[in-house]
Structures are given as C-alpha cells and as structure tokens.
Amino acid sequence: MKDPQEAEAFYQRLHDELEKSTTWPSQYLYKFIVKSEEGKMEAIEKLFDNTGAVIRKKASSGGKYTSVSINVVMDSPEAVILKYKEVGKIKGVISL
C-alpha cells in the first residue's frame, strides 16, 4: 500500500475486525513473504525478539522466496497493527 490514506483505512478495518472477533490478549498469526535474503529474514525476526514468538520459515520451491509465519501472543489490536507497520518498513516484505 503506497497511499497513506489507503493504508490507514486498511489498518482501521483490521482494528475493528480484531476488536470484534477476538478477546485480548490472544494468539495472533502473522504471515509474510520475503525474498530469501538472510538480512531481511533476520530483520523480521529481530522485531519479534523477546516476545515468545514461534517463527516458522519455508522456502519456495525455487528457493527465491521464503514464507515466514509468526505465532505470538499479542495484547491488543493496536499491538498487532504496530508490528505490521514495523515489518512494513522492511523493503520487499509482503504481508498476508
């Protein structure tokens, strides 16, 4: 999302859905696709240091991309969105 207004609207919808559908704190599953470059994966992992997150990585069949799944207990919808925004600062990461 390149348009800041579009991004904020997306995050507001996500916040509203998480608020309605989940009791907090709760487990949350993040999924990202990233080029299989160690620096990018390490940057994502570092954002979840000391959170108790379980991180699973799976390379694509050609090995060019890696799927990163992160299961972690989050305190609130705001905390979930904050992590998405932090990961979004890493160039080339696709959030699912």
N, C-alpha and C. Protein backbone atom coordinates (compact mmCIF):
# COMPACT_ATOMS: atom_id res chain seq x y z
N MET A 1 0.84 -1.17 0.00
CA MET A 1 0.00 0.00 0.00
C MET A 1 0.89 1.24 0.00
N LYS A 2 0.83 1.94 -1.08
CA LYS A 2 1.66 3.13 -1.19
C LYS A 2 0.93 4.37 -0.71
N ASP A 3 -0.38 4.40 -0.84
CA ASP A 3 -1.17 5.56 -0.45
C ASP A 3 -1.40 5.54 1.06
N PRO A 4 -0.94 6.57 1.78
CA PRO A 4 -1.09 6.59 3.25
C PRO A 4 -2.55 6.52 3.71
N GLN A 5 -3.45 7.16 2.96
CA GLN A 5 -4.87 7.11 3.34
C GLN A 5 -5.43 5.71 3.18
N GLU A 6 -5.02 5.04 2.12
CA GLU A 6 -5.47 3.66 1.88
C GLU A 6 -4.94 2.75 3.00
N ALA A 7 -3.69 2.94 3.37
CA ALA A 7 -3.09 2.14 4.44
C ALA A 7 -3.82 2.36 5.76
N GLU A 8 -4.10 3.61 6.09
CA GLU A 8 -4.79 3.89 7.36
C GLU A 8 -6.19 3.31 7.37
N ALA A 9 -6.88 3.37 6.23
CA ALA A 9 -8.22 2.78 6.14
C ALA A 9 -8.14 1.27 6.34
N PHE A 10 -7.13 0.63 5.73
CA PHE A 10 -6.93 -0.81 5.91
C PHE A 10 -6.70 -1.14 7.38
N TYR A 11 -5.80 -0.39 8.03
CA TYR A 11 -5.50 -0.67 9.44
C TYR A 11 -6.71 -0.41 10.33
N GLN A 12 -7.52 0.56 10.00
CA GLN A 12 -8.73 0.82 10.80
C GLN A 12 -9.71 -0.34 10.66
N ARG A 13 -9.87 -0.86 9.43
CA ARG A 13 -10.75 -2.02 9.24
C ARG A 13 -10.21 -3.24 10.00
N LEU A 14 -8.90 -3.45 9.91
CA LEU A 14 -8.29 -4.56 10.64
C LEU A 14 -8.51 -4.41 12.14
N HIS A 15 -8.30 -3.21 12.65
CA HIS A 15 -8.50 -2.94 14.08
C HIS A 15 -9.93 -3.28 14.49
N ASP A 16 -10.90 -2.80 13.71
CA ASP A 16 -12.31 -3.04 14.02
C ASP A 16 -12.64 -4.53 14.02
N GLU A 17 -12.12 -5.26 13.02
CA GLU A 17 -12.36 -6.71 12.95
C GLU A 17 -11.72 -7.44 14.12
N LEU A 18 -10.50 -7.09 14.45
CA LEU A 18 -9.82 -7.75 15.57
C LEU A 18 -10.52 -7.44 16.88
N GLU A 19 -11.00 -6.24 17.03
CA GLU A 19 -11.71 -5.83 18.25
C GLU A 19 -13.00 -6.64 18.42
N LYS A 20 -13.72 -6.84 17.31
CA LYS A 20 -14.98 -7.56 17.35
C LYS A 20 -14.81 -9.06 17.53
N SER A 21 -13.78 -9.62 16.91
CA SER A 21 -13.70 -11.07 16.79
C SER A 21 -12.80 -11.75 17.82
N THR A 22 -12.07 -10.98 18.61
CA THR A 22 -11.05 -11.59 19.45
C THR A 22 -11.08 -11.03 20.86
N THR A 23 -10.84 -11.90 21.84
CA THR A 23 -10.67 -11.48 23.22
C THR A 23 -9.17 -11.32 23.47
N TRP A 24 -8.79 -10.17 23.99
CA TRP A 24 -7.37 -9.85 24.16
C TRP A 24 -6.92 -9.98 25.60
N PRO A 25 -5.67 -10.40 25.83
CA PRO A 25 -4.62 -10.82 24.90
C PRO A 25 -4.98 -12.15 24.22
N SER A 26 -4.38 -12.35 23.05
CA SER A 26 -4.71 -13.53 22.24
C SER A 26 -3.54 -13.90 21.33
N GLN A 27 -3.55 -15.17 20.90
CA GLN A 27 -2.57 -15.62 19.90
C GLN A 27 -2.90 -14.94 18.58
N TYR A 28 -1.87 -14.54 17.87
CA TYR A 28 -2.06 -13.95 16.54
C TYR A 28 -1.04 -14.56 15.60
N LEU A 29 -1.47 -14.84 14.38
CA LEU A 29 -0.58 -15.44 13.38
C LEU A 29 -0.30 -14.42 12.28
N TYR A 30 0.95 -14.01 12.20
CA TYR A 30 1.41 -13.14 11.12
C TYR A 30 1.95 -14.01 10.01
N LYS A 31 1.74 -13.60 8.76
CA LYS A 31 2.33 -14.31 7.62
C LYS A 31 2.93 -13.27 6.68
N PHE A 32 4.16 -13.55 6.29
CA PHE A 32 4.88 -12.65 5.40
C PHE A 32 5.56 -13.47 4.31
N ILE A 33 5.75 -12.85 3.16
CA ILE A 33 6.56 -13.41 2.08
C ILE A 33 7.73 -12.45 1.90
N VAL A 34 8.93 -13.01 1.82
CA VAL A 34 10.13 -12.19 1.70
C VAL A 34 11.10 -12.87 0.76
N LYS A 35 11.88 -12.07 0.02
CA LYS A 35 12.93 -12.66 -0.79
C LYS A 35 13.87 -13.40 0.14
N SER A 36 14.37 -14.51 -0.31
CA SER A 36 15.22 -15.36 0.54
C SER A 36 16.60 -14.73 0.72
N GLU A 37 16.62 -13.62 1.41
CA GLU A 37 17.86 -12.93 1.74
C GLU A 37 17.96 -12.91 3.26
N GLU A 38 19.06 -13.43 3.79
CA GLU A 38 19.20 -13.59 5.24
C GLU A 38 18.96 -12.28 5.99
N GLY A 39 19.43 -11.17 5.47
CA GLY A 39 19.27 -9.91 6.17
C GLY A 39 17.82 -9.52 6.40
N LYS A 40 16.98 -9.77 5.41
CA LYS A 40 15.57 -9.43 5.53
C LYS A 40 14.87 -10.32 6.56
N MET A 41 15.17 -11.61 6.52
CA MET A 41 14.55 -12.51 7.49
C MET A 41 15.02 -12.21 8.90
N GLU A 42 16.28 -11.89 9.05
CA GLU A 42 16.81 -11.54 10.36
C GLU A 42 16.16 -10.27 10.89
N ALA A 43 15.90 -9.31 10.01
CA ALA A 43 15.26 -8.06 10.42
C ALA A 43 13.85 -8.33 10.95
N ILE A 44 13.12 -9.21 10.27
CA ILE A 44 11.78 -9.56 10.74
C ILE A 44 11.86 -10.26 12.10
N GLU A 45 12.75 -11.24 12.20
CA GLU A 45 12.90 -11.98 13.45
C GLU A 45 13.26 -11.04 14.61
N LYS A 46 14.10 -10.07 14.34
CA LYS A 46 14.54 -9.14 15.39
C LYS A 46 13.36 -8.34 15.95
N LEU A 47 12.39 -8.02 15.11
CA LEU A 47 11.22 -7.28 15.57
C LEU A 47 10.38 -8.09 16.56
N PHE A 48 10.54 -9.41 16.53
CA PHE A 48 9.77 -10.27 17.42
C PHE A 48 10.62 -10.87 18.54
N ASP A 49 11.87 -10.39 18.69
CA ASP A 49 12.74 -10.84 19.79
C ASP A 49 12.06 -10.62 21.13
N ASN A 50 12.25 -11.54 22.03
CA ASN A 50 11.77 -11.43 23.41
C ASN A 50 10.26 -11.30 23.52
N THR A 51 9.53 -11.84 22.54
CA THR A 51 8.08 -11.81 22.61
C THR A 51 7.49 -13.21 22.82
N GLY A 52 8.34 -14.23 22.80
CA GLY A 52 7.86 -15.60 22.90
C GLY A 52 7.30 -16.12 21.59
N ALA A 53 7.58 -15.43 20.50
CA ALA A 53 7.04 -15.80 19.19
C ALA A 53 7.63 -17.11 18.70
N VAL A 54 6.80 -17.91 18.04
CA VAL A 54 7.23 -19.11 17.35
C VAL A 54 7.30 -18.75 15.88
N ILE A 55 8.49 -18.83 15.31
CA ILE A 55 8.71 -18.40 13.93
C ILE A 55 9.03 -19.62 13.08
N ARG A 56 8.26 -19.76 11.98
CA ARG A 56 8.49 -20.86 11.04
C ARG A 56 8.79 -20.25 9.68
N LYS A 57 9.79 -20.82 9.00
CA LYS A 57 10.16 -20.34 7.67
C LYS A 57 10.09 -21.52 6.70
N LYS A 58 9.61 -21.22 5.50
CA LYS A 58 9.54 -22.26 4.48
C LYS A 58 9.91 -21.63 3.14
N ALA A 59 10.96 -22.15 2.52
CA ALA A 59 11.42 -21.65 1.23
C ALA A 59 10.47 -22.10 0.13
N SER A 60 10.33 -21.27 -0.90
CA SER A 60 9.53 -21.64 -2.07
C SER A 60 10.25 -22.75 -2.82
N SER A 61 9.55 -23.37 -3.74
CA SER A 61 10.15 -24.49 -4.46
C SER A 61 11.41 -24.09 -5.22
N GLY A 62 11.45 -22.86 -5.72
CA GLY A 62 12.63 -22.38 -6.42
C GLY A 62 13.67 -21.77 -5.49
N GLY A 63 13.29 -21.58 -4.23
CA GLY A 63 14.21 -21.03 -3.24
C GLY A 63 14.39 -19.53 -3.30
N LYS A 64 13.66 -18.87 -4.17
CA LYS A 64 13.82 -17.42 -4.33
C LYS A 64 13.11 -16.64 -3.22
N TYR A 65 12.01 -17.19 -2.72
CA TYR A 65 11.22 -16.52 -1.68
C TYR A 65 11.07 -17.44 -0.48
N THR A 66 10.79 -16.81 0.66
CA THR A 66 10.55 -17.56 1.89
C THR A 66 9.26 -17.07 2.53
N SER A 67 8.44 -18.02 2.95
CA SER A 67 7.24 -17.72 3.72
C SER A 67 7.64 -17.72 5.19
N VAL A 68 7.27 -16.66 5.89
CA VAL A 68 7.58 -16.55 7.31
C VAL A 68 6.27 -16.47 8.08
N SER A 69 6.01 -17.44 8.96
CA SER A 69 4.82 -17.46 9.81
C SER A 69 5.27 -17.23 11.25
N ILE A 70 4.60 -16.29 11.91
CA ILE A 70 4.98 -15.94 13.27
C ILE A 70 3.74 -16.02 14.14
N ASN A 71 3.76 -16.93 15.11
CA ASN A 71 2.66 -17.09 16.04
C ASN A 71 3.10 -16.50 17.37
N VAL A 72 2.34 -15.53 17.87
CA VAL A 72 2.76 -14.81 19.07
C VAL A 72 1.52 -14.30 19.81
N VAL A 73 1.62 -14.21 21.13
CA VAL A 73 0.55 -13.64 21.94
C VAL A 73 0.68 -12.12 21.87
N MET A 74 -0.40 -11.48 21.45
CA MET A 74 -0.44 -10.02 21.37
C MET A 74 -1.46 -9.50 22.38
N ASP A 75 -1.21 -8.29 22.86
CA ASP A 75 -2.05 -7.71 23.91
C ASP A 75 -3.31 -7.03 23.41
N SER A 76 -3.28 -6.54 22.17
CA SER A 76 -4.40 -5.74 21.68
C SER A 76 -4.33 -5.61 20.16
N PRO A 77 -5.44 -5.15 19.55
CA PRO A 77 -5.40 -4.88 18.12
C PRO A 77 -4.34 -3.83 17.77
N GLU A 78 -4.16 -2.86 18.64
CA GLU A 78 -3.15 -1.83 18.41
C GLU A 78 -1.75 -2.42 18.34
N ALA A 79 -1.47 -3.39 19.20
CA ALA A 79 -0.16 -4.05 19.20
C ALA A 79 0.05 -4.85 17.91
N VAL A 80 -1.00 -5.51 17.43
CA VAL A 80 -0.92 -6.27 16.18
C VAL A 80 -0.58 -5.32 15.03
N ILE A 81 -1.29 -4.22 14.95
CA ILE A 81 -1.09 -3.26 13.87
C ILE A 81 0.29 -2.61 13.95
N LEU A 82 0.76 -2.33 15.15
CA LEU A 82 2.09 -1.74 15.31
C LEU A 82 3.16 -2.65 14.71
N LYS A 83 3.05 -3.97 14.96
CA LYS A 83 4.02 -4.91 14.39
C LYS A 83 3.94 -4.93 12.87
N TYR A 84 2.71 -4.90 12.32
CA TYR A 84 2.59 -4.85 10.86
C TYR A 84 3.29 -3.62 10.31
N LYS A 85 3.13 -2.48 10.96
CA LYS A 85 3.76 -1.25 10.50
C LYS A 85 5.28 -1.33 10.61
N GLU A 86 5.78 -1.94 11.69
CA GLU A 86 7.23 -2.10 11.84
C GLU A 86 7.80 -2.99 10.74
N VAL A 87 7.14 -4.11 10.49
CA VAL A 87 7.61 -5.03 9.44
C VAL A 87 7.48 -4.35 8.08
N GLY A 88 6.46 -3.53 7.90
CA GLY A 88 6.25 -2.84 6.64
C GLY A 88 7.38 -1.90 6.26
N LYS A 89 8.19 -1.52 7.22
CA LYS A 89 9.34 -0.64 6.94
C LYS A 89 10.49 -1.40 6.30
N ILE A 90 10.44 -2.73 6.32
CA ILE A 90 11.48 -3.55 5.71
C ILE A 90 11.14 -3.70 4.23
N LYS A 91 12.01 -3.21 3.39
CA LYS A 91 11.75 -3.18 1.94
C LYS A 91 11.57 -4.59 1.38
N GLY A 92 10.52 -4.76 0.59
CA GLY A 92 10.32 -6.01 -0.13
C GLY A 92 9.56 -7.09 0.62
N VAL A 93 9.05 -6.78 1.81
CA VAL A 93 8.28 -7.76 2.58
C VAL A 93 6.81 -7.60 2.22
N ILE A 94 6.16 -8.71 1.92
CA ILE A 94 4.73 -8.72 1.62
C ILE A 94 4.00 -9.31 2.82
N SER A 95 3.05 -8.55 3.36
CA SER A 95 2.23 -9.03 4.47
C SER A 95 0.99 -9.71 3.92
N LEU A 96 0.68 -10.87 4.47
CA LEU A 96 -0.53 -11.60 4.02
C LEU A 96 -1.61 -11.48 5.06
